Amino acid sequence: MVIEMLVQSTSDRLILLPALPDTYPAGELCGVRTRFGARMDLSWTDDGHATAVLRPTRDTRVDVRTGEGRTLTDGATPDPTETSAGTPVTLLDLTAGVDRVLTLRPR
């Protein structure tokens, strides 16, 4: 499924652009419902930058990961830590009714 190539979620994890297909170098995905209770809009450009807007419906903490070659860059997001596999992970606290804008850039 194409949506799972662009965003994946579980009750406590969000992966942005895990497997961006070459056929979609730039694009936009709107209104995706995550499994941790947020709606999300995602847009990306062919230069590797992306923006995700999360609109949580409940308070929760998720770990955010990005696809290969990208990293989170906004100042409101804590610096990522790395897993044993070398994947950057950022813990993000979400508050119901408070939108969060995440920006990504190429690594």
N, C-alpha and C. Protein backbone atom coordinates (compact mmCIF):
# COMPACT_ATOMS: atom_id res chain seq x y z
N MET A 1 0.84 -1.18 0.00
CA MET A 1 0.00 0.00 0.00
C MET A 1 0.88 1.24 0.00
N VAL A 2 0.52 2.20 -0.81
CA VAL A 2 1.33 3.41 -0.97
C VAL A 2 1.39 4.22 0.33
N ILE A 3 0.30 4.34 1.05
CA ILE A 3 0.30 5.14 2.29
C ILE A 3 1.34 4.60 3.27
N GLU A 4 1.49 3.29 3.38
CA GLU A 4 2.47 2.73 4.30
C GLU A 4 3.90 2.97 3.85
N MET A 5 4.10 3.33 2.58
CA MET A 5 5.43 3.71 2.11
C MET A 5 5.74 5.15 2.52
N LEU A 6 4.71 5.92 2.85
CA LEU A 6 4.86 7.33 3.21
C LEU A 6 4.81 7.57 4.71
N VAL A 7 3.98 6.81 5.41
CA VAL A 7 3.85 6.96 6.86
C VAL A 7 3.41 5.63 7.47
N GLN A 8 4.02 5.31 8.61
CA GLN A 8 3.63 4.11 9.36
C GLN A 8 3.46 4.53 10.82
N SER A 9 2.48 3.91 11.48
CA SER A 9 2.29 4.22 12.89
C SER A 9 1.82 2.99 13.65
N THR A 10 2.16 3.00 14.94
CA THR A 10 1.63 2.03 15.90
C THR A 10 1.09 2.86 17.06
N SER A 11 0.71 2.22 18.14
CA SER A 11 0.16 2.97 19.27
C SER A 11 1.20 3.87 19.93
N ASP A 12 2.49 3.64 19.68
CA ASP A 12 3.52 4.47 20.30
C ASP A 12 4.69 4.83 19.36
N ARG A 13 4.48 4.69 18.06
CA ARG A 13 5.57 4.97 17.11
C ARG A 13 5.03 5.60 15.84
N LEU A 14 5.83 6.52 15.27
CA LEU A 14 5.53 7.15 14.00
C LEU A 14 6.78 7.09 13.14
N ILE A 15 6.65 6.60 11.93
CA ILE A 15 7.77 6.58 10.99
C ILE A 15 7.35 7.40 9.77
N LEU A 16 8.11 8.45 9.51
CA LEU A 16 7.82 9.35 8.40
C LEU A 16 8.67 9.01 7.20
N LEU A 17 8.05 8.85 6.05
CA LEU A 17 8.70 8.54 4.78
C LEU A 17 9.66 7.35 4.89
N PRO A 18 9.15 6.21 5.37
CA PRO A 18 10.02 5.04 5.54
C PRO A 18 10.53 4.44 4.23
N ALA A 19 9.77 4.58 3.15
CA ALA A 19 10.15 3.95 1.88
C ALA A 19 9.59 4.77 0.72
N LEU A 20 10.00 6.03 0.64
CA LEU A 20 9.48 6.92 -0.38
C LEU A 20 9.80 6.39 -1.78
N PRO A 21 8.76 6.09 -2.57
CA PRO A 21 9.00 5.56 -3.92
C PRO A 21 9.58 6.63 -4.85
N ASP A 22 10.43 6.23 -5.76
CA ASP A 22 11.02 7.14 -6.74
C ASP A 22 9.96 7.81 -7.60
N THR A 23 8.82 7.16 -7.75
CA THR A 23 7.74 7.71 -8.58
C THR A 23 7.03 8.88 -7.92
N TYR A 24 7.32 9.14 -6.63
CA TYR A 24 6.72 10.27 -5.90
C TYR A 24 7.82 11.14 -5.30
N PRO A 25 8.63 11.83 -6.11
CA PRO A 25 9.73 12.62 -5.57
C PRO A 25 9.24 13.80 -4.72
N ALA A 26 8.02 14.26 -4.97
CA ALA A 26 7.41 15.33 -4.18
C ALA A 26 5.92 15.02 -4.09
N GLY A 27 5.31 15.49 -3.01
CA GLY A 27 3.88 15.24 -2.89
C GLY A 27 3.31 15.67 -1.57
N GLU A 28 2.05 15.28 -1.38
CA GLU A 28 1.31 15.68 -0.19
C GLU A 28 0.30 14.59 0.14
N LEU A 29 0.16 14.34 1.43
CA LEU A 29 -0.80 13.37 1.94
C LEU A 29 -1.55 14.07 3.06
N CYS A 30 -2.87 14.12 2.99
CA CYS A 30 -3.65 14.89 3.96
C CYS A 30 -4.66 14.01 4.69
N GLY A 31 -4.83 14.28 5.99
CA GLY A 31 -5.87 13.65 6.77
C GLY A 31 -5.64 12.21 7.16
N VAL A 32 -4.41 11.76 7.16
CA VAL A 32 -4.12 10.37 7.55
C VAL A 32 -4.36 10.22 9.05
N ARG A 33 -4.99 9.15 9.43
CA ARG A 33 -5.27 8.86 10.84
C ARG A 33 -4.19 7.91 11.36
N THR A 34 -3.51 8.31 12.42
CA THR A 34 -2.48 7.45 13.01
C THR A 34 -3.09 6.51 14.03
N ARG A 35 -2.35 5.50 14.39
CA ARG A 35 -2.83 4.53 15.38
C ARG A 35 -2.67 5.02 16.81
N PHE A 36 -1.98 6.15 17.00
CA PHE A 36 -1.87 6.71 18.35
C PHE A 36 -2.83 7.86 18.58
N GLY A 37 -3.78 8.05 17.66
CA GLY A 37 -4.85 9.01 17.88
C GLY A 37 -4.56 10.42 17.42
N ALA A 38 -4.01 10.56 16.24
CA ALA A 38 -3.78 11.89 15.68
C ALA A 38 -4.09 11.85 14.19
N ARG A 39 -4.54 12.97 13.68
CA ARG A 39 -4.62 13.14 12.23
C ARG A 39 -3.31 13.78 11.80
N MET A 40 -2.90 13.50 10.58
CA MET A 40 -1.63 14.00 10.13
C MET A 40 -1.70 14.43 8.67
N ASP A 41 -1.07 15.56 8.37
CA ASP A 41 -0.83 15.99 7.00
C ASP A 41 0.67 15.92 6.78
N LEU A 42 1.08 15.45 5.62
CA LEU A 42 2.49 15.28 5.31
C LEU A 42 2.75 15.81 3.91
N SER A 43 3.79 16.61 3.78
CA SER A 43 4.20 17.07 2.45
C SER A 43 5.71 16.93 2.35
N TRP A 44 6.20 16.66 1.13
CA TRP A 44 7.63 16.48 0.92
C TRP A 44 8.01 17.01 -0.44
N THR A 45 9.28 17.39 -0.56
CA THR A 45 9.79 17.95 -1.80
C THR A 45 10.91 17.07 -2.35
N ASP A 46 11.24 17.29 -3.60
CA ASP A 46 12.26 16.46 -4.22
C ASP A 46 13.68 16.77 -3.73
N ASP A 47 13.85 17.83 -2.92
CA ASP A 47 15.17 18.11 -2.36
C ASP A 47 15.39 17.46 -1.00
N GLY A 48 14.44 16.63 -0.54
CA GLY A 48 14.59 15.88 0.71
C GLY A 48 13.95 16.51 1.92
N HIS A 49 13.37 17.69 1.78
CA HIS A 49 12.70 18.33 2.91
C HIS A 49 11.25 17.85 3.01
N ALA A 50 10.73 17.86 4.23
CA ALA A 50 9.35 17.43 4.45
C ALA A 50 8.79 18.13 5.68
N THR A 51 7.48 18.22 5.73
CA THR A 51 6.78 18.79 6.88
C THR A 51 5.61 17.87 7.23
N ALA A 52 5.49 17.58 8.51
CA ALA A 52 4.36 16.79 9.01
C ALA A 52 3.65 17.62 10.07
N VAL A 53 2.33 17.72 9.96
CA VAL A 53 1.52 18.41 10.96
C VAL A 53 0.69 17.34 11.67
N LEU A 54 0.92 17.19 12.97
CA LEU A 54 0.18 16.23 13.79
C LEU A 54 -0.89 16.97 14.57
N ARG A 55 -2.11 16.42 14.55
CA ARG A 55 -3.24 16.97 15.29
C ARG A 55 -3.77 15.90 16.23
N PRO A 56 -3.14 15.78 17.43
CA PRO A 56 -3.52 14.70 18.35
C PRO A 56 -4.90 14.91 18.98
N THR A 57 -5.60 13.80 19.19
CA THR A 57 -6.90 13.84 19.85
C THR A 57 -6.81 13.38 21.30
N ARG A 58 -5.62 12.94 21.70
CA ARG A 58 -5.39 12.55 23.10
C ARG A 58 -3.92 12.76 23.44
N ASP A 59 -3.64 12.88 24.72
CA ASP A 59 -2.26 13.00 25.18
C ASP A 59 -1.56 11.66 25.00
N THR A 60 -0.36 11.71 24.47
CA THR A 60 0.41 10.48 24.28
C THR A 60 1.87 10.80 24.05
N ARG A 61 2.71 9.81 24.15
CA ARG A 61 4.14 9.93 23.83
C ARG A 61 4.42 8.93 22.73
N VAL A 62 5.07 9.39 21.67
CA VAL A 62 5.43 8.52 20.55
C VAL A 62 6.90 8.67 20.25
N ASP A 63 7.50 7.59 19.75
CA ASP A 63 8.85 7.76 19.22
C ASP A 63 8.73 7.97 17.73
N VAL A 64 9.42 8.99 17.26
CA VAL A 64 9.35 9.39 15.87
C VAL A 64 10.64 8.99 15.18
N ARG A 65 10.48 8.31 14.05
CA ARG A 65 11.62 7.91 13.24
C ARG A 65 11.40 8.44 11.84
N THR A 66 12.49 8.56 11.11
CA THR A 66 12.38 9.04 9.73
C THR A 66 13.00 8.01 8.80
N GLY A 67 12.59 8.09 7.55
CA GLY A 67 13.16 7.21 6.55
C GLY A 67 14.63 7.51 6.34
N GLU A 68 15.28 6.62 5.67
CA GLU A 68 16.72 6.74 5.43
C GLU A 68 17.04 8.07 4.76
N GLY A 69 18.06 8.72 5.27
CA GLY A 69 18.52 9.96 4.66
C GLY A 69 17.85 11.23 5.14
N ARG A 70 16.95 11.13 6.14
CA ARG A 70 16.26 12.32 6.66
C ARG A 70 16.40 12.38 8.17
N THR A 71 16.29 13.61 8.71
CA THR A 71 16.33 13.82 10.14
C THR A 71 15.38 14.95 10.52
N LEU A 72 14.85 14.90 11.75
CA LEU A 72 14.00 15.99 12.26
C LEU A 72 14.86 17.20 12.56
N THR A 73 14.34 18.40 12.30
CA THR A 73 15.18 19.59 12.47
C THR A 73 14.57 20.71 13.29
N ASP A 74 13.30 20.65 13.67
CA ASP A 74 12.72 21.81 14.33
C ASP A 74 13.22 21.95 15.77
N GLY A 75 13.28 23.19 16.25
CA GLY A 75 13.81 23.46 17.58
C GLY A 75 12.94 22.98 18.71
N ALA A 76 11.65 22.73 18.47
CA ALA A 76 10.73 22.29 19.52
C ALA A 76 10.82 20.79 19.76
N THR A 77 11.55 20.09 18.90
CA THR A 77 11.67 18.64 19.02
C THR A 77 13.01 18.31 19.65
N PRO A 78 13.02 17.42 20.65
CA PRO A 78 14.29 17.05 21.28
C PRO A 78 15.25 16.42 20.27
N ASP A 79 16.54 16.54 20.55
CA ASP A 79 17.53 15.90 19.69
C ASP A 79 17.31 14.39 19.68
N PRO A 80 17.44 13.78 18.51
CA PRO A 80 17.23 12.33 18.43
C PRO A 80 18.35 11.54 19.09
N THR A 81 18.00 10.36 19.54
CA THR A 81 18.99 9.39 19.99
C THR A 81 19.03 8.30 18.93
N GLU A 82 20.04 7.45 18.97
CA GLU A 82 20.13 6.40 17.96
C GLU A 82 19.88 5.04 18.58
N THR A 83 19.18 4.19 17.83
CA THR A 83 18.98 2.81 18.25
C THR A 83 20.24 2.03 17.94
N SER A 84 20.26 0.78 18.35
CA SER A 84 21.42 -0.07 18.07
C SER A 84 21.62 -0.27 16.58
N ALA A 85 20.55 -0.08 15.79
CA ALA A 85 20.66 -0.21 14.34
C ALA A 85 21.08 1.10 13.68
N GLY A 86 21.32 2.15 14.50
CA GLY A 86 21.74 3.43 13.96
C GLY A 86 20.62 4.32 13.46
N THR A 87 19.38 3.95 13.77
CA THR A 87 18.23 4.74 13.35
C THR A 87 17.97 5.86 14.35
N PRO A 88 17.91 7.13 13.91
CA PRO A 88 17.59 8.22 14.85
C PRO A 88 16.15 8.11 15.34
N VAL A 89 15.96 8.25 16.66
CA VAL A 89 14.64 8.19 17.28
C VAL A 89 14.47 9.40 18.17
N THR A 90 13.32 10.07 18.04
CA THR A 90 13.00 11.22 18.87
C THR A 90 11.73 10.91 19.64
N LEU A 91 11.77 11.06 20.98
CA LEU A 91 10.56 10.90 21.78
C LEU A 91 9.80 12.22 21.76
N LEU A 92 8.53 12.13 21.45
CA LEU A 92 7.71 13.32 21.27
C LEU A 92 6.46 13.21 22.14
N ASP A 93 6.26 14.19 23.03
CA ASP A 93 5.06 14.25 23.84
C ASP A 93 4.01 15.07 23.10
N LEU A 94 2.84 14.48 22.91
CA LEU A 94 1.74 15.15 22.21
C LEU A 94 0.63 15.45 23.20
N THR A 95 0.00 16.60 23.03
CA THR A 95 -1.11 17.03 23.88
C THR A 95 -2.36 17.16 23.02
N ALA A 96 -3.44 16.57 23.49
CA ALA A 96 -4.70 16.64 22.75
C ALA A 96 -5.05 18.09 22.43
N GLY A 97 -5.40 18.34 21.16
CA GLY A 97 -5.82 19.66 20.74
C GLY A 97 -4.69 20.63 20.42
N VAL A 98 -3.44 20.21 20.61
CA VAL A 98 -2.30 21.07 20.32
C VAL A 98 -1.55 20.50 19.12
N ASP A 99 -1.62 21.22 18.00
CA ASP A 99 -0.94 20.76 16.79
C ASP A 99 0.57 20.82 16.97
N ARG A 100 1.26 19.86 16.37
CA ARG A 100 2.73 19.85 16.34
C ARG A 100 3.18 19.80 14.89
N VAL A 101 4.09 20.68 14.55
CA VAL A 101 4.65 20.72 13.21
C VAL A 101 6.07 20.17 13.28
N LEU A 102 6.32 19.12 12.51
CA LEU A 102 7.64 18.51 12.46
C LEU A 102 8.26 18.81 11.10
N THR A 103 9.50 19.23 11.10
CA THR A 103 10.18 19.47 9.84
C THR A 103 11.33 18.48 9.69
N LEU A 104 11.52 18.02 8.48
CA LEU A 104 12.59 17.08 8.18
C LEU A 104 13.48 17.68 7.11
N ARG A 105 14.72 17.29 7.16
CA ARG A 105 15.68 17.72 6.13
C ARG A 105 16.56 16.53 5.79
N PRO A 106 17.27 16.61 4.68
CA PRO A 106 18.19 15.53 4.35
C PRO A 106 19.31 15.47 5.38
N ARG A 107 19.81 14.26 5.65
CA ARG A 107 20.94 14.09 6.58
C ARG A 107 22.22 14.42 5.89
